[in-house]
Amino acid sequence: MTDDGTAAAAATSPLGYEQARDELIEVVRRLEAGGTSLEDSLALWERGEELAKVCRHWLEGARARLDAALAGPAEDEA
């Protein structure tokens, strides 16, 4: 279900979910505050996209683990 960009971002990033989330919050804060040049704003936006992919990867992995854990007992009973 993940796209190649999401998998690639997560594979090349040593960031954990909380680190990526915190940095993403800071990127959004800086973009909302304004006052940066167009070039800097674009660089921040691109970094935000990368961080969002890392967060999405972690969340998808957590969802898959939860689904597997919830499905586990039902498979044993069948």
C-alpha atoms as a PDB file:
ATOM      1  CA  MET A   1       0.000   0.000   0.000  1.00  0.00           C
ATOM      2  CA  THR A   2       2.956   2.327   0.376  1.00  0.00           C
ATOM      3  CA  ASP A   3       4.203   4.191  -2.642  1.00  0.00           C
ATOM      4  CA  ASP A   4       7.845   4.034  -3.656  1.00  0.00           C
ATOM      5  CA  GLY A   5       8.466   7.557  -2.350  1.00  0.00           C
ATOM      6  CA  THR A   6       7.221   6.693   1.119  1.00  0.00           C
ATOM      7  CA  ALA A   7       9.328   3.545   1.323  1.00  0.00           C
ATOM      8  CA  ALA A   8      12.389   5.325  -0.037  1.00  0.00           C
ATOM      9  CA  ALA A   9      12.025   8.218   2.400  1.00  0.00           C
ATOM     10  CA  ALA A  10      11.748   5.872   5.350  1.00  0.00           C
ATOM     11  CA  ALA A  11      14.584   3.648   4.175  1.00  0.00           C
ATOM     12  CA  THR A  12      17.011   6.544   3.813  1.00  0.00           C
ATOM     13  CA  SER A  13      15.970   8.365   6.971  1.00  0.00           C
ATOM     14  CA  PRO A  14      17.294   7.429  10.398  1.00  0.00           C
ATOM     15  CA  LEU A  15      14.556   9.569  11.972  1.00  0.00           C
ATOM     16  CA  GLY A  16      12.098   8.008  14.323  1.00  0.00           C
ATOM     17  CA  TYR A  17       8.444   8.987  14.220  1.00  0.00           C
ATOM     18  CA  GLU A  18       8.657  11.489  17.073  1.00  0.00           C
ATOM     19  CA  GLN A  19      11.750  13.173  15.642  1.00  0.00           C
ATOM     20  CA  ALA A  20      10.185  13.506  12.196  1.00  0.00           C
ATOM     21  CA  ARG A  21       6.898  14.755  13.682  1.00  0.00           C
ATOM     22  CA  ASP A  22       8.633  17.357  15.835  1.00  0.00           C
ATOM     23  CA  GLU A  23      10.716  18.637  12.934  1.00  0.00           C
ATOM     24  CA  LEU A  24       7.607  18.724  10.728  1.00  0.00           C
ATOM     25  CA  ILE A  25       5.809  20.821  13.352  1.00  0.00           C
ATOM     26  CA  GLU A  26       8.725  23.254  13.307  1.00  0.00           C
ATOM     27  CA  VAL A  27       8.703  23.415   9.491  1.00  0.00           C
ATOM     28  CA  VAL A  28       4.983  24.191   9.477  1.00  0.00           C
ATOM     29  CA  ARG A  29       5.441  26.822  12.181  1.00  0.00           C
ATOM     30  CA  ARG A  30       8.149  28.546  10.146  1.00  0.00           C
ATOM     31  CA  LEU A  31       6.074  28.447   6.963  1.00  0.00           C
ATOM     32  CA  GLU A  32       3.016  29.841   8.724  1.00  0.00           C
ATOM     33  CA  ALA A  33       5.068  32.624  10.308  1.00  0.00           C
ATOM     34  CA  GLY A  34       6.139  33.828   6.869  1.00  0.00           C
ATOM     35  CA  GLY A  35       8.995  36.222   6.340  1.00  0.00           C
ATOM     36  CA  THR A  36      11.145  33.754   4.396  1.00  0.00           C
ATOM     37  CA  SER A  37      12.199  34.084   0.796  1.00  0.00           C
ATOM     38  CA  LEU A  38      10.465  32.075  -1.888  1.00  0.00           C
ATOM     39  CA  GLU A  39      13.525  29.845  -2.215  1.00  0.00           C
ATOM     40  CA  ASP A  40      13.649  29.188   1.535  1.00  0.00           C
ATOM     41  CA  SER A  41       9.897  28.565   1.648  1.00  0.00           C
ATOM     42  CA  LEU A  42      10.181  26.013  -1.145  1.00  0.00           C
ATOM     43  CA  ALA A  43      13.059  24.281   0.633  1.00  0.00           C
ATOM     44  CA  LEU A  44      11.017  24.156   3.845  1.00  0.00           C
ATOM     45  CA  TRP A  45       8.009  22.798   1.977  1.00  0.00           C
ATOM     46  CA  GLU A  46      10.142  20.069   0.361  1.00  0.00           C
ATOM     47  CA  ARG A  47      11.588  19.130   3.744  1.00  0.00           C
ATOM     48  CA  GLY A  48       8.078  19.024   5.158  1.00  0.00           C
ATOM     49  CA  GLU A  49       7.016  16.622   2.418  1.00  0.00           C
ATOM     50  CA  GLU A  50       9.960  14.342   3.214  1.00  0.00           C
ATOM     51  CA  LEU A  51       9.139  14.416   6.917  1.00  0.00           C
ATOM     52  CA  ALA A  52       5.476  13.688   6.239  1.00  0.00           C
ATOM     53  CA  LYS A  53       6.508  10.609   4.234  1.00  0.00           C
ATOM     54  CA  VAL A  54       8.650   9.382   7.115  1.00  0.00           C
ATOM     55  CA  CYS A  55       5.742   9.863   9.538  1.00  0.00           C
ATOM     56  CA  ARG A  56       3.353   8.125   7.135  1.00  0.00           C
ATOM     57  CA  HIS A  57       5.735   5.162   6.865  1.00  0.00           C
ATOM     58  CA  TRP A  58       5.926   4.784  10.653  1.00  0.00           C
ATOM     59  CA  LEU A  59       2.151   5.068  11.009  1.00  0.00           C
ATOM     60  CA  GLU A  60       1.508   2.534   8.239  1.00  0.00           C
ATOM     61  CA  GLY A  61       3.941   0.146   9.920  1.00  0.00           C
ATOM     62  CA  ALA A  62       2.195   0.572  13.250  1.00  0.00           C
ATOM     63  CA  ARG A  63      -1.192  -0.031  11.585  1.00  0.00           C
ATOM     64  CA  ALA A  64       0.106  -3.221   9.947  1.00  0.00           C
ATOM     65  CA  ARG A  65       1.430  -4.489  13.293  1.00  0.00           C
ATOM     66  CA  LEU A  66      -1.876  -3.746  15.003  1.00  0.00           C
ATOM     67  CA  ASP A  67      -3.829  -5.446  12.214  1.00  0.00           C
ATOM     68  CA  ALA A  68      -1.565  -8.498  12.453  1.00  0.00           C
ATOM     69  CA  ALA A  69      -1.931  -8.632  16.231  1.00  0.00           C
ATOM     70  CA  LEU A  70      -5.706  -8.342  16.022  1.00  0.00           C
ATOM     71  CA  ALA A  71      -5.904 -10.946  13.263  1.00  0.00           C
ATOM     72  CA  GLY A  72      -3.583 -13.378  15.083  1.00  0.00           C
ATOM     73  CA  PRO A  73      -6.035 -14.906  17.612  1.00  0.00           C
ATOM     74  CA  ALA A  74      -8.787 -15.287  14.989  1.00  0.00           C
ATOM     75  CA  GLU A  75      -6.460 -17.307  12.756  1.00  0.00           C
ATOM     76  CA  ASP A  76      -5.517 -19.615  15.659  1.00  0.00           C
ATOM     77  CA  GLU A  77      -9.166 -20.397  16.354  1.00  0.00           C
ATOM     78  CA  ALA A  78      -9.983 -21.242  12.729  1.00  0.00           C
END
